[in-house]
């Protein structure tokens, strides 16, 4: 038996579009079970949990995993604006909002260093 390890495309992983069990792995689980392999042996060979193997064997057809949409969040009332705004700024948190020009930049990006008193030093009189 050959083992097949799954790799996840980094771009899909960043977007949250990761398939828990892809169709190819689902078919591999079903094929091995059809050959008479035990759930434990399949799980060990494919580096899966036994419960995951059992769930795949109970399914009559492969279905991609989809997380249920949450509608009870504080941002749900602003979801449409956030989707539009994210597209406007290229999905970057680095681009400031147009009305945020009055907000001073973080201390690290200011041109002049911030002087802070040091403890334990005496100023000459």
PDB file of N, CA and C in Angstrom:
ATOM      1  N   UNK A   1       0.837  -1.180   0.000  1.00  0.00           N
ATOM      2  CA  UNK A   1       0.000   0.000   0.000  1.00  0.00           C
ATOM      3  C   UNK A   1       0.881   1.242   0.000  1.00  0.00           C
ATOM      4  N   UNK A   2       0.496   2.220  -0.811  1.00  0.00           N
ATOM      5  CA  UNK A   2       1.250   3.468  -0.823  1.00  0.00           C
ATOM      6  C   UNK A   2       0.478   4.511  -0.022  1.00  0.00           C
ATOM      7  N   UNK A   3       1.222   5.291   0.726  1.00  0.00           N
ATOM      8  CA  UNK A   3       0.566   6.342   1.494  1.00  0.00           C
ATOM      9  C   UNK A   3       0.619   7.625   0.705  1.00  0.00           C
ATOM     10  N   UNK A   4      -0.396   8.422   0.860  1.00  0.00           N
ATOM     11  CA  UNK A   4      -0.514   9.670   0.136  1.00  0.00           C
ATOM     12  C   UNK A   4      -0.740  10.778   1.149  1.00  0.00           C
ATOM     13  N   UNK A   5       0.175  11.721   1.200  1.00  0.00           N
ATOM     14  CA  UNK A   5       0.001  12.820   2.127  1.00  0.00           C
ATOM     15  C   UNK A   5      -0.568  14.007   1.381  1.00  0.00           C
ATOM     16  N   UNK A   6      -1.504  14.683   1.992  1.00  0.00           N
ATOM     17  CA  UNK A   6      -2.150  15.829   1.360  1.00  0.00           C
ATOM     18  C   UNK A   6      -1.367  17.095   1.653  1.00  0.00           C
ATOM     19  N   UNK A   7      -1.265  17.935   0.652  1.00  0.00           N
ATOM     20  CA  UNK A   7      -0.676  19.248   0.847  1.00  0.00           C
ATOM     21  C   UNK A   7      -1.742  20.275   0.551  1.00  0.00           C
ATOM     22  N   UNK A   8      -1.686  21.376   1.254  1.00  0.00           N
ATOM     23  CA  UNK A   8      -2.687  22.415   1.118  1.00  0.00           C
ATOM     24  C   UNK A   8      -2.056  23.599   0.400  1.00  0.00           C
ATOM     25  N   UNK A   9      -2.714  24.061  -0.644  1.00  0.00           N
ATOM     26  CA  UNK A   9      -2.256  25.218  -1.384  1.00  0.00           C
ATOM     27  C   UNK A   9      -2.254  26.423  -0.448  1.00  0.00           C
ATOM     28  N   UNK A  10      -1.099  27.105  -0.267  1.00  0.00           N
ATOM     29  CA  UNK A  10      -1.020  28.212   0.690  1.00  0.00           C
ATOM     30  C   UNK A  10      -2.023  29.325   0.419  1.00  0.00           C
ATOM     31  N   UNK A  11      -2.289  29.614  -0.863  1.00  0.00           N
ATOM     32  CA  UNK A  11      -3.246  30.677  -1.182  1.00  0.00           C
ATOM     33  C   UNK A  11      -4.646  30.303  -0.733  1.00  0.00           C
ATOM     34  N   UNK A  12      -5.040  29.056  -0.951  1.00  0.00           N
ATOM     35  CA  UNK A  12      -6.365  28.613  -0.514  1.00  0.00           C
ATOM     36  C   UNK A  12      -6.448  28.590   1.001  1.00  0.00           C
ATOM     37  N   UNK A  13      -5.326  28.263   1.659  1.00  0.00           N
ATOM     38  CA  UNK A  13      -5.312  28.232   3.109  1.00  0.00           C
ATOM     39  C   UNK A  13      -5.514  29.639   3.677  1.00  0.00           C
ATOM     40  N   UNK A  14      -4.873  30.648   3.058  1.00  0.00           N
ATOM     41  CA  UNK A  14      -5.028  32.027   3.520  1.00  0.00           C
ATOM     42  C   UNK A  14      -6.460  32.497   3.355  1.00  0.00           C
ATOM     43  N   UNK A  15      -7.123  32.076   2.300  1.00  0.00           N
ATOM     44  CA  UNK A  15      -8.489  32.506   2.040  1.00  0.00           C
ATOM     45  C   UNK A  15      -9.513  31.707   2.833  1.00  0.00           C
ATOM     46  N   UNK A  16      -9.074  30.716   3.583  1.00  0.00           N
ATOM     47  CA  UNK A  16      -9.991  29.921   4.382  1.00  0.00           C
ATOM     48  C   UNK A  16     -10.775  28.917   3.571  1.00  0.00           C
ATOM     49  N   UNK A  17     -10.277  28.543   2.395  1.00  0.00           N
ATOM     50  CA  UNK A  17     -10.978  27.624   1.519  1.00  0.00           C
ATOM     51  C   UNK A  17     -10.365  26.235   1.566  1.00  0.00           C
ATOM     52  N   UNK A  18      -9.993  25.792   2.712  1.00  0.00           N
ATOM     53  CA  UNK A  18      -9.316  24.516   2.846  1.00  0.00           C
ATOM     54  C   UNK A  18     -10.340  23.394   2.944  1.00  0.00           C
ATOM     55  N   UNK A  19     -10.153  22.376   2.116  1.00  0.00           N
ATOM     56  CA  UNK A  19     -11.012  21.203   2.206  1.00  0.00           C
ATOM     57  C   UNK A  19     -10.470  20.325   3.320  1.00  0.00           C
ATOM     58  N   UNK A  20     -11.316  19.945   4.234  1.00  0.00           N
ATOM     59  CA  UNK A  20     -10.875  19.083   5.318  1.00  0.00           C
ATOM     60  C   UNK A  20     -10.465  17.739   4.739  1.00  0.00           C
ATOM     61  N   UNK A  21     -11.330  17.142   3.986  1.00  0.00           N
ATOM     62  CA  UNK A  21     -11.021  15.913   3.262  1.00  0.00           C
ATOM     63  C   UNK A  21     -11.393  16.173   1.807  1.00  0.00           C
ATOM     64  N   UNK A  22     -10.386  16.185   0.950  1.00  0.00           N
ATOM     65  CA  UNK A  22     -10.627  16.386  -0.476  1.00  0.00           C
ATOM     66  C   UNK A  22     -11.259  15.156  -1.093  1.00  0.00           C
ATOM     67  N   UNK A  23     -11.771  15.339  -2.294  1.00  0.00           N
ATOM     68  CA  UNK A  23     -12.441  14.223  -2.960  1.00  0.00           C
ATOM     69  C   UNK A  23     -11.486  13.069  -3.222  1.00  0.00           C
ATOM     70  N   UNK A  24     -10.237  13.379  -3.556  1.00  0.00           N
ATOM     71  CA  UNK A  24      -9.277  12.305  -3.820  1.00  0.00           C
ATOM     72  C   UNK A  24      -9.000  11.479  -2.566  1.00  0.00           C
ATOM     73  N   UNK A  25      -8.900  12.137  -1.412  1.00  0.00           N
ATOM     74  CA  UNK A  25      -8.676  11.387  -0.160  1.00  0.00           C
ATOM     75  C   UNK A  25      -9.923  10.618   0.243  1.00  0.00           C
ATOM     76  N   UNK A  26     -11.105  11.191   0.012  1.00  0.00           N
ATOM     77  CA  UNK A  26     -12.357  10.514   0.312  1.00  0.00           C
ATOM     78  C   UNK A  26     -12.453   9.227  -0.508  1.00  0.00           C
ATOM     79  N   UNK A  27     -12.105   9.344  -1.790  1.00  0.00           N
ATOM     80  CA  UNK A  27     -12.148   8.164  -2.654  1.00  0.00           C
ATOM     81  C   UNK A  27     -11.105   7.129  -2.221  1.00  0.00           C
ATOM     82  N   UNK A  28      -9.947   7.600  -1.776  1.00  0.00           N
ATOM     83  CA  UNK A  28      -8.900   6.690  -1.302  1.00  0.00           C
ATOM     84  C   UNK A  28      -9.373   5.922  -0.060  1.00  0.00           C
ATOM     85  N   UNK A  29     -10.058   6.610   0.853  1.00  0.00           N
ATOM     86  CA  UNK A  29     -10.603   5.961   2.054  1.00  0.00           C
ATOM     87  C   UNK A  29     -11.604   4.888   1.642  1.00  0.00           C
ATOM     88  N   UNK A  30     -12.499   5.237   0.723  1.00  0.00           N
ATOM     89  CA  UNK A  30     -13.515   4.283   0.268  1.00  0.00           C
ATOM     90  C   UNK A  30     -12.874   3.086  -0.448  1.00  0.00           C
ATOM     91  N   UNK A  31     -11.833   3.348  -1.247  1.00  0.00           N
ATOM     92  CA  UNK A  31     -11.158   2.275  -1.982  1.00  0.00           C
ATOM     93  C   UNK A  31     -10.496   1.300  -1.013  1.00  0.00           C
ATOM     94  N   UNK A  32      -9.785   1.852  -0.021  1.00  0.00           N
ATOM     95  CA  UNK A  32      -9.094   0.988   0.950  1.00  0.00           C
ATOM     96  C   UNK A  32     -10.090   0.177   1.770  1.00  0.00           C
ATOM     97  N   UNK A  33     -11.226   0.797   2.127  1.00  0.00           N
ATOM     98  CA  UNK A  33     -12.247   0.054   2.875  1.00  0.00           C
ATOM     99  C   UNK A  33     -12.824  -1.059   2.017  1.00  0.00           C
ATOM    100  N   UNK A  34     -12.992  -0.797   0.724  1.00  0.00           N
ATOM    101  CA  UNK A  34     -13.495  -1.809  -0.200  1.00  0.00           C
ATOM    102  C   UNK A  34     -12.536  -2.981  -0.350  1.00  0.00           C
ATOM    103  N   UNK A  35     -11.240  -2.715  -0.169  1.00  0.00           N
ATOM    104  CA  UNK A  35     -10.234  -3.777  -0.238  1.00  0.00           C
ATOM    105  C   UNK A  35     -10.146  -4.558   1.063  1.00  0.00           C
ATOM    106  N   UNK A  36     -10.887  -4.120   2.079  1.00  0.00           N
ATOM    107  CA  UNK A  36     -10.920  -4.857   3.334  1.00  0.00           C
ATOM    108  C   UNK A  36     -10.046  -4.289   4.441  1.00  0.00           C
ATOM    109  N   UNK A  37      -9.466  -3.122   4.244  1.00  0.00           N
ATOM    110  CA  UNK A  37      -8.630  -2.521   5.289  1.00  0.00           C
ATOM    111  C   UNK A  37      -9.511  -2.039   6.441  1.00  0.00           C
ATOM    112  N   UNK A  38      -8.995  -2.154   7.648  1.00  0.00           N
ATOM    113  CA  UNK A  38      -9.759  -1.710   8.817  1.00  0.00           C
ATOM    114  C   UNK A  38      -9.726  -0.183   8.913  1.00  0.00           C
ATOM    115  N   UNK A  39     -10.663   0.350   9.663  1.00  0.00           N
ATOM    116  CA  UNK A  39     -10.730   1.804   9.872  1.00  0.00           C
ATOM    117  C   UNK A  39      -9.436   2.291  10.504  1.00  0.00           C
ATOM    118  N   UNK A  40      -8.942   1.537  11.453  1.00  0.00           N
ATOM    119  CA  UNK A  40      -7.701   1.922  12.134  1.00  0.00           C
ATOM    120  C   UNK A  40      -6.513   1.941  11.174  1.00  0.00           C
ATOM    121  N   UNK A  41      -6.440   0.943  10.299  1.00  0.00           N
ATOM    122  CA  UNK A  41      -5.337   0.876   9.333  1.00  0.00           C
ATOM    123  C   UNK A  41      -5.423   2.019   8.320  1.00  0.00           C
ATOM    124  N   UNK A  42      -6.628   2.334   7.874  1.00  0.00           N
ATOM    125  CA  UNK A  42      -6.817   3.442   6.931  1.00  0.00           C
ATOM    126  C   UNK A  42      -6.413   4.760   7.589  1.00  0.00           C
ATOM    127  N   UNK A  43      -6.883   4.954   8.812  1.00  0.00           N
ATOM    128  CA  UNK A  43      -6.574   6.192   9.534  1.00  0.00           C
ATOM    129  C   UNK A  43      -5.066   6.338   9.728  1.00  0.00           C
ATOM    130  N   UNK A  44      -4.402   5.266  10.091  1.00  0.00           N
ATOM    131  CA  UNK A  44      -2.954   5.308  10.315  1.00  0.00           C
ATOM    132  C   UNK A  44      -2.217   5.587   9.011  1.00  0.00           C
ATOM    133  N   UNK A  45      -2.622   4.946   7.931  1.00  0.00           N
ATOM    134  CA  UNK A  45      -1.939   5.097   6.645  1.00  0.00           C
ATOM    135  C   UNK A  45      -2.116   6.496   6.058  1.00  0.00           C
ATOM    136  N   UNK A  46      -3.275   7.090   6.257  1.00  0.00           N
ATOM    137  CA  UNK A  46      -3.556   8.405   5.669  1.00  0.00           C
ATOM    138  C   UNK A  46      -3.396   9.549   6.659  1.00  0.00           C
ATOM    139  N   UNK A  47      -2.935   9.228   7.874  1.00  0.00           N
ATOM    140  CA  UNK A  47      -2.724  10.223   8.918  1.00  0.00           C
ATOM    141  C   UNK A  47      -4.006  11.003   9.218  1.00  0.00           C
ATOM    142  N   UNK A  48      -5.074  10.248   9.457  1.00  0.00           N
ATOM    143  CA  UNK A  48      -6.379  10.825   9.782  1.00  0.00           C
ATOM    144  C   UNK A  48      -6.863  10.252  11.104  1.00  0.00           C
ATOM    145  N   UNK A  49      -7.836  10.901  11.680  1.00  0.00           N
ATOM    146  CA  UNK A  49      -8.472  10.389  12.884  1.00  0.00           C
ATOM    147  C   UNK A  49      -9.452   9.283  12.478  1.00  0.00           C
ATOM    148  N   UNK A  50      -9.621   8.299  13.333  1.00  0.00           N
ATOM    149  CA  UNK A  50     -10.543   7.197  13.016  1.00  0.00           C
ATOM    150  C   UNK A  50     -11.975   7.692  12.834  1.00  0.00           C
ATOM    151  N   UNK A  51     -12.353   8.713  13.612  1.00  0.00           N
ATOM    152  CA  UNK A  51     -13.709   9.257  13.474  1.00  0.00           C
ATOM    153  C   UNK A  51     -13.914   9.888  12.096  1.00  0.00           C
ATOM    154  N   UNK A  52     -12.860  10.498  11.566  1.00  0.00           N
ATOM    155  CA  UNK A  52     -12.946  11.083  10.227  1.00  0.00           C
ATOM    156  C   UNK A  52     -13.124   9.994   9.184  1.00  0.00           C
ATOM    157  N   UNK A  53     -12.404   8.898   9.332  1.00  0.00           N
ATOM    158  CA  UNK A  53     -12.533   7.773   8.400  1.00  0.00           C
ATOM    159  C   UNK A  53     -13.942   7.196   8.490  1.00  0.00           C
ATOM    160  N   UNK A  54     -14.453   7.027   9.699  1.00  0.00           N
ATOM    161  CA  UNK A  54     -15.818   6.503   9.867  1.00  0.00           C
ATOM    162  C   UNK A  54     -16.844   7.418   9.196  1.00  0.00           C
ATOM    163  N   UNK A  55     -16.677   8.729   9.391  1.00  0.00           N
ATOM    164  CA  UNK A  55     -17.616   9.690   8.805  1.00  0.00           C
ATOM    165  C   UNK A  55     -17.593   9.587   7.282  1.00  0.00           C
ATOM    166  N   UNK A  56     -16.399   9.466   6.699  1.00  0.00           N
ATOM    167  CA  UNK A  56     -16.282   9.344   5.248  1.00  0.00           C
ATOM    168  C   UNK A  56     -16.934   8.058   4.744  1.00  0.00           C
ATOM    169  N   UNK A  57     -16.819   6.997   5.504  1.00  0.00           N
ATOM    170  CA  UNK A  57     -17.417   5.731   5.088  1.00  0.00           C
ATOM    171  C   UNK A  57     -18.933   5.746   5.227  1.00  0.00           C
ATOM    172  N   UNK A  58     -19.456   6.562   6.126  1.00  0.00           N
ATOM    173  CA  UNK A  58     -20.908   6.676   6.279  1.00  0.00           C
ATOM    174  C   UNK A  58     -21.536   7.491   5.155  1.00  0.00           C
ATOM    175  N   UNK A  59     -20.781   8.421   4.577  1.00  0.00           N
ATOM    176  CA  UNK A  59     -21.315   9.271   3.510  1.00  0.00           C
ATOM    177  C   UNK A  59     -21.499   8.454   2.231  1.00  0.00           C
ATOM    178  N   UNK A  60     -22.604   8.702   1.545  1.00  0.00           N
ATOM    179  CA  UNK A  60     -22.843   8.003   0.287  1.00  0.00           C
ATOM    180  C   UNK A  60     -22.164   8.708  -0.875  1.00  0.00           C
ATOM    181  N   UNK A  61     -21.928  10.004  -0.744  1.00  0.00           N
ATOM    182  CA  UNK A  61     -21.204  10.753  -1.767  1.00  0.00           C
ATOM    183  C   UNK A  61     -20.361  11.826  -1.105  1.00  0.00           C
ATOM    184  N   UNK A  62     -19.288  12.243  -1.778  1.00  0.00           N
ATOM    185  CA  UNK A  62     -18.383  13.251  -1.225  1.00  0.00           C
ATOM    186  C   UNK A  62     -19.035  14.611  -1.270  1.00  0.00           C
ATOM    187  N   UNK A  63     -18.920  15.338  -0.167  1.00  0.00           N
ATOM    188  CA  UNK A  63     -19.416  16.707  -0.092  1.00  0.00           C
ATOM    189  C   UNK A  63     -18.311  17.561   0.507  1.00  0.00           C
ATOM    190  N   UNK A  64     -17.965  18.671  -0.143  1.00  0.00           N
ATOM    191  CA  UNK A  64     -16.926  19.527   0.430  1.00  0.00           C
ATOM    192  C   UNK A  64     -17.416  20.155   1.723  1.00  0.00           C
ATOM    193  N   UNK A  65     -16.486  20.381   2.638  1.00  0.00           N
ATOM    194  CA  UNK A  65     -16.815  20.987   3.914  1.00  0.00           C
ATOM    195  C   UNK A  65     -17.149  22.457   3.708  1.00  0.00           C
ATOM    196  N   UNK A  66     -18.221  22.910   4.327  1.00  0.00           N
ATOM    197  CA  UNK A  66     -18.576  24.318   4.300  1.00  0.00           C
ATOM    198  C   UNK A  66     -18.962  24.733   5.704  1.00  0.00           C
ATOM    199  N   UNK A  67     -18.285  25.761   6.165  1.00  0.00           N
ATOM    200  CA  UNK A  67     -18.586  26.288   7.481  1.00  0.00           C
ATOM    201  C   UNK A  67     -19.901  27.054   7.417  1.00  0.00           C
ATOM    202  N   UNK A  68     -20.730  26.884   8.403  1.00  0.00           N
ATOM    203  CA  UNK A  68     -22.000  27.602   8.446  1.00  0.00           C
ATOM    204  C   UNK A  68     -21.737  29.088   8.646  1.00  0.00           C
ATOM    205  N   UNK A  69     -22.450  29.912   7.899  1.00  0.00           N
ATOM    206  CA  UNK A  69     -22.268  31.357   8.008  1.00  0.00           C
ATOM    207  C   UNK A  69     -22.850  31.841   9.342  1.00  0.00           C
ATOM    208  N   UNK A  70     -22.092  32.689  10.021  1.00  0.00           N
ATOM    209  CA  UNK A  70     -22.571  33.246  11.286  1.00  0.00           C
ATOM    210  C   UNK A  70     -23.280  34.556  11.008  1.00  0.00           C
ATOM    211  N   UNK A  71     -24.434  34.718  11.587  1.00  0.00           N
ATOM    212  CA  UNK A  71     -25.178  35.956  11.390  1.00  0.00           C
ATOM    213  C   UNK A  71     -25.313  36.748  12.683  1.00  0.00           C
ATOM    214  N   UNK A  72     -24.761  36.234  13.762  1.00  0.00           N
ATOM    215  CA  UNK A  72     -24.945  36.861  15.070  1.00  0.00           C
ATOM    216  C   UNK A  72     -23.735  37.661  15.548  1.00  0.00           C
ATOM    217  N   UNK A  73     -22.881  38.131  14.641  1.00  0.00           N
ATOM    218  CA  UNK A  73     -21.702  38.864  15.062  1.00  0.00           C
ATOM    219  C   UNK A  73     -21.982  40.360  15.113  1.00  0.00           C
ATOM    220  N   UNK A  74     -21.128  41.095  15.793  1.00  0.00           N
ATOM    221  CA  UNK A  74     -21.290  42.541  15.883  1.00  0.00           C
ATOM    222  C   UNK A  74     -21.052  43.221  14.535  1.00  0.00           C
ATOM    223  N   UNK A  75     -20.242  42.601  13.692  1.00  0.00           N
ATOM    224  CA  UNK A  75     -19.935  43.199  12.398  1.00  0.00           C
ATOM    225  C   UNK A  75     -20.921  42.811  11.304  1.00  0.00           C
ATOM    226  N   UNK A  76     -21.873  41.958  11.589  1.00  0.00           N
ATOM    227  CA  UNK A  76     -22.778  41.485  10.550  1.00  0.00           C
ATOM    228  C   UNK A  76     -23.593  42.626   9.941  1.00  0.00           C
ATOM    229  N   UNK A  77     -23.885  43.663  10.713  1.00  0.00           N
ATOM    230  CA  UNK A  77     -24.633  44.798  10.152  1.00  0.00           C
ATOM    231  C   UNK A  77     -23.770  45.617   9.199  1.00  0.00           C
ATOM    232  N   UNK A  78     -22.452  45.492   9.299  1.00  0.00           N
ATOM    233  CA  UNK A  78     -21.528  46.246   8.454  1.00  0.00           C
ATOM    234  C   UNK A  78     -20.866  45.371   7.394  1.00  0.00           C
ATOM    235  N   UNK A  79     -21.330  44.156   7.231  1.00  0.00           N
ATOM    236  CA  UNK A  79     -20.662  43.190   6.368  1.00  0.00           C
ATOM    237  C   UNK A  79     -20.542  43.670   4.928  1.00  0.00           C
ATOM    238  N   UNK A  80     -21.600  44.242   4.376  1.00  0.00           N
ATOM    239  CA  UNK A  80     -21.557  44.680   2.978  1.00  0.00           C
ATOM    240  C   UNK A  80     -20.536  45.792   2.780  1.00  0.00           C
ATOM    241  N   UNK A  81     -20.510  46.761   3.696  1.00  0.00           N
ATOM    242  CA  UNK A  81     -19.511  47.834   3.610  1.00  0.00           C
ATOM    243  C   UNK A  81     -18.095  47.271   3.713  1.00  0.00           C
ATOM    244  N   UNK A  82     -17.883  46.355   4.641  1.00  0.00           N
ATOM    245  CA  UNK A  82     -16.553  45.778   4.823  1.00  0.00           C
ATOM    246  C   UNK A  82     -16.096  45.018   3.587  1.00  0.00           C
ATOM    247  N   UNK A  83     -17.010  44.305   2.934  1.00  0.00           N
ATOM    248  CA  UNK A  83     -16.641  43.606   1.700  1.00  0.00           C
ATOM    249  C   UNK A  83     -16.242  44.590   0.610  1.00  0.00           C
ATOM    250  N   UNK A  84     -17.031  45.683   0.458  1.00  0.00           N
ATOM    251  CA  UNK A  84     -16.692  46.701  -0.547  1.00  0.00           C
ATOM    252  C   UNK A  84     -15.364  47.365  -0.220  1.00  0.00           C
ATOM    253  N   UNK A  85     -15.182  47.739   1.046  1.00  0.00           N
ATOM    254  CA  UNK A  85     -13.965  48.448   1.457  1.00  0.00           C
ATOM    255  C   UNK A  85     -12.731  47.553   1.303  1.00  0.00           C
ATOM    256  N   UNK A  86     -12.859  46.294   1.633  1.00  0.00           N
ATOM    257  CA  UNK A  86     -11.729  45.376   1.494  1.00  0.00           C
ATOM    258  C   UNK A  86     -11.302  45.281   0.035  1.00  0.00           C
ATOM    259  N   UNK A  87     -12.258  45.235  -0.877  1.00  0.00           N
ATOM    260  CA  UNK A  87     -11.922  45.180  -2.303  1.00  0.00           C
ATOM    261  C   UNK A  87     -11.265  46.484  -2.756  1.00  0.00           C
ATOM    262  N   UNK A  88     -11.712  47.613  -2.227  1.00  0.00           N
ATOM    263  CA  UNK A  88     -11.143  48.917  -2.594  1.00  0.00           C
ATOM    264  C   UNK A  88      -9.672  49.024  -2.228  1.00  0.00           C
ATOM    265  N   UNK A  89      -9.285  48.484  -1.101  1.00  0.00           N
ATOM    266  CA  UNK A  89      -7.909  48.616  -0.615  1.00  0.00           C
ATOM    267  C   UNK A  89      -7.074  47.374  -0.919  1.00  0.00           C
ATOM    268  N   UNK A  90      -7.567  46.515  -1.779  1.00  0.00           N
ATOM    269  CA  UNK A  90      -6.802  45.326  -2.160  1.00  0.00           C
ATOM    270  C   UNK A  90      -6.643  44.346  -1.017  1.00  0.00           C
ATOM    271  N   UNK A  91      -7.636  44.256  -0.143  1.00  0.00           N
ATOM    272  CA  UNK A  91      -7.640  43.323   0.984  1.00  0.00           C
ATOM    273  C   UNK A  91      -6.425  43.517   1.887  1.00  0.00           C
ATOM    274  N   UNK A  92      -6.008  44.764   2.044  1.00  0.00           N
ATOM    275  CA  UNK A  92      -4.844  45.087   2.867  1.00  0.00           C
ATOM    276  C   UNK A  92      -5.268  45.878   4.093  1.00  0.00           C
ATOM    277  N   UNK A  93      -4.770  45.492   5.245  1.00  0.00           N
ATOM    278  CA  UNK A  93      -5.047  46.235   6.476  1.00  0.00           C
ATOM    279  C   UNK A  93      -4.096  47.407   6.623  1.00  0.00           C
ATOM    280  N   UNK A  94      -3.121  47.543   5.732  1.00  0.00           N
ATOM    281  CA  UNK A  94      -2.134  48.605   5.805  1.00  0.00           C
ATOM    282  C   UNK A  94      -2.652  49.927   5.230  1.00  0.00           C
ATOM    283  N   UNK A  95      -3.664  49.892   4.359  1.00  0.00           N
ATOM    284  CA  UNK A  95      -4.168  51.105   3.718  1.00  0.00           C
ATOM    285  C   UNK A  95      -5.115  51.810   4.678  1.00  0.00           C
ATOM    286  N   UNK A  96      -4.831  53.087   5.015  1.00  0.00           N
ATOM    287  CA  UNK A  96      -5.695  53.790   5.955  1.00  0.00           C
ATOM    288  C   UNK A  96      -7.014  54.221   5.314  1.00  0.00           C
ATOM    289  N   UNK A  97      -7.986  54.422   6.128  1.00  0.00           N
ATOM    290  CA  UNK A  97      -9.273  54.921   5.685  1.00  0.00           C
ATOM    291  C   UNK A  97      -9.111  56.399   5.341  1.00  0.00           C
ATOM    292  N   UNK A  98      -9.827  56.924   4.328  1.00  0.00           N
ATOM    293  CA  UNK A  98      -9.664  58.329   3.951  1.00  0.00           C
ATOM    294  C   UNK A  98      -9.894  59.309   5.096  1.00  0.00           C
ATOM    295  N   UNK A  99     -10.789  58.992   6.005  1.00  0.00           N
ATOM    296  CA  UNK A  99     -11.067  59.903   7.121  1.00  0.00           C
ATOM    297  C   UNK A  99     -10.078  59.744   8.269  1.00  0.00           C
ATOM    298  N   UNK A 100      -9.117  58.842   8.146  1.00  0.00           N
ATOM    299  CA  UNK A 100      -8.189  58.613   9.247  1.00  0.00           C
ATOM    300  C   UNK A 100      -6.931  59.459   9.128  1.00  0.00           C
ATOM    301  N   UNK A 101      -6.921  60.467   8.235  1.00  0.00           N
ATOM    302  CA  UNK A 101      -5.727  61.285   8.071  1.00  0.00           C
ATOM    303  C   UNK A 101      -5.456  62.154   9.290  1.00  0.00           C
ATOM    304  N   UNK A 102      -6.461  62.395  10.117  1.00  0.00           N
ATOM    305  CA  UNK A 102      -6.280  63.203  11.325  1.00  0.00           C
ATOM    306  C   UNK A 102      -5.672  62.400  12.468  1.00  0.00           C
ATOM    307  N   UNK A 103      -5.638  61.098  12.331  1.00  0.00           N
ATOM    308  CA  UNK A 103      -5.090  60.243  13.378  1.00  0.00           C
ATOM    309  C   UNK A 103      -3.578  60.221  13.214  1.00  0.00           C
ATOM    310  N   UNK A 104      -2.813  60.528  14.264  1.00  0.00           N
ATOM    311  CA  UNK A 104      -1.357  60.540  14.129  1.00  0.00           C
ATOM    312  C   UNK A 104      -0.822  59.127  13.870  1.00  0.00           C
ATOM    313  N   UNK A 105       0.314  59.032  13.146  1.00  0.00           N
ATOM    314  CA  UNK A 105       0.889  57.714  12.888  1.00  0.00           C
ATOM    315  C   UNK A 105       1.425  57.093  14.167  1.00  0.00           C
ATOM    316  N   UNK A 106       1.656  55.786  14.167  1.00  0.00           N
ATOM    317  CA  UNK A 106       2.209  55.136  15.358  1.00  0.00           C
ATOM    318  C   UNK A 106       3.575  55.724  15.709  1.00  0.00           C
ATOM    319  N   UNK A 107       3.966  55.593  16.957  1.00  0.00           N
ATOM    320  CA  UNK A 107       5.226  56.163  17.429  1.00  0.00           C
ATOM    321  C   UNK A 107       6.421  55.694  16.608  1.00  0.00           C
ATOM    322  N   UNK A 108       6.423  54.467  16.193  1.00  0.00           N
ATOM    323  CA  UNK A 108       7.578  53.916  15.480  1.00  0.00           C
ATOM    324  C   UNK A 108       7.787  54.584  14.124  1.00  0.00           C
ATOM    325  N   UNK A 109       6.727  55.118  13.504  1.00  0.00           N
ATOM    326  CA  UNK A 109       6.883  55.689  12.175  1.00  0.00           C
ATOM    327  C   UNK A 109       7.063  57.199  12.182  1.00  0.00           C
ATOM    328  N   UNK A 110       7.069  57.840  13.330  1.00  0.00           N
ATOM    329  CA  UNK A 110       7.281  59.287  13.393  1.00  0.00           C
ATOM    330  C   UNK A 110       8.728  59.603  13.054  1.00  0.00           C
ATOM    331  N   UNK A 111       8.916  60.767  12.415  1.00  0.00           N
ATOM    332  CA  UNK A 111      10.267  61.119  11.985  1.00  0.00           C
ATOM    333  C   UNK A 111      11.164  61.539  13.135  1.00  0.00           C
ATOM    334  N   UNK A 112      10.631  62.236  14.121  1.00  0.00           N
ATOM    335  CA  UNK A 112      11.469  62.648  15.237  1.00  0.00           C
ATOM    336  C   UNK A 112      11.324  61.657  16.379  1.00  0.00           C
ATOM    337  N   UNK A 113      12.429  61.316  17.011  1.00  0.00           N
ATOM    338  CA  UNK A 113      12.340  60.350  18.120  1.00  0.00           C
ATOM    339  C   UNK A 113      11.631  60.967  19.317  1.00  0.00           C
ATOM    340  N   UNK A 114      10.943  60.149  20.038  1.00  0.00           N
ATOM    341  CA  UNK A 114      10.228  60.590  21.229  1.00  0.00           C
ATOM    342  C   UNK A 114      11.199  60.510  22.391  1.00  0.00           C
ATOM    343  N   UNK A 115      11.361  61.626  23.099  1.00  0.00           N
ATOM    344  CA  UNK A 115      12.283  61.606  24.240  1.00  0.00           C
ATOM    345  C   UNK A 115      11.516  61.191  25.480  1.00  0.00           C
ATOM    346  N   UNK A 116      12.066  60.260  26.171  1.00  0.00           N
ATOM    347  CA  UNK A 116      11.450  59.769  27.401  1.00  0.00           C
ATOM    348  C   UNK A 116      12.460  59.935  28.521  1.00  0.00           C
ATOM    349  N   UNK A 117      11.995  60.371  29.666  1.00  0.00           N
ATOM    350  CA  UNK A 117      12.926  60.507  30.784  1.00  0.00           C
ATOM    351  C   UNK A 117      13.396  59.138  31.239  1.00  0.00           C
ATOM    352  N   UNK A 118      14.646  59.068  31.526  1.00  0.00           N
ATOM    353  CA  UNK A 118      15.186  57.805  32.042  1.00  0.00           C
ATOM    354  C   UNK A 118      15.169  57.856  33.556  1.00  0.00           C
ATOM    355  N   UNK A 119      15.001  56.739  34.156  1.00  0.00           N
ATOM    356  CA  UNK A 119      14.924  56.684  35.606  1.00  0.00           C
ATOM    357  C   UNK A 119      16.337  56.626  36.187  1.00  0.00           C
ATOM    358  N   UNK A 120      16.502  57.276  37.282  1.00  0.00           N
ATOM    359  CA  UNK A 120      17.761  57.195  37.994  1.00  0.00           C
ATOM    360  C   UNK A 120      18.816  58.215  37.556  1.00  0.00           C
ATOM    361  N   UNK A 121      18.492  59.018  36.548  1.00  0.00           N
ATOM    362  CA  UNK A 121      19.478  60.008  36.112  1.00  0.00           C
ATOM    363  C   UNK A 121      19.130  61.363  36.709  1.00  0.00           C
ATOM    364  N   UNK A 122      20.141  62.111  36.975  1.00  0.00           N
ATOM    365  CA  UNK A 122      19.957  63.451  37.561  1.00  0.00           C
ATOM    366  C   UNK A 122      20.289  64.472  36.505  1.00  0.00           C
ATOM    367  N   UNK A 123      19.380  65.414  36.322  1.00  0.00           N
ATOM    368  CA  UNK A 123      19.611  66.482  35.355  1.00  0.00           C
ATOM    369  C   UNK A 123      20.551  67.521  35.977  1.00  0.00           C
ATOM    370  N   UNK A 124      21.527  67.974  35.214  1.00  0.00           N
ATOM    371  CA  UNK A 124      22.419  69.005  35.767  1.00  0.00           C
ATOM    372  C   UNK A 124      21.657  70.296  35.983  1.00  0.00           C
ATOM    373  N   UNK A 125      21.961  70.994  37.086  1.00  0.00           N
ATOM    374  CA  UNK A 125      21.256  72.222  37.416  1.00  0.00           C
ATOM    375  C   UNK A 125      21.938  73.435  36.900  1.00  0.00           C
TER     376      UNK A 125
END
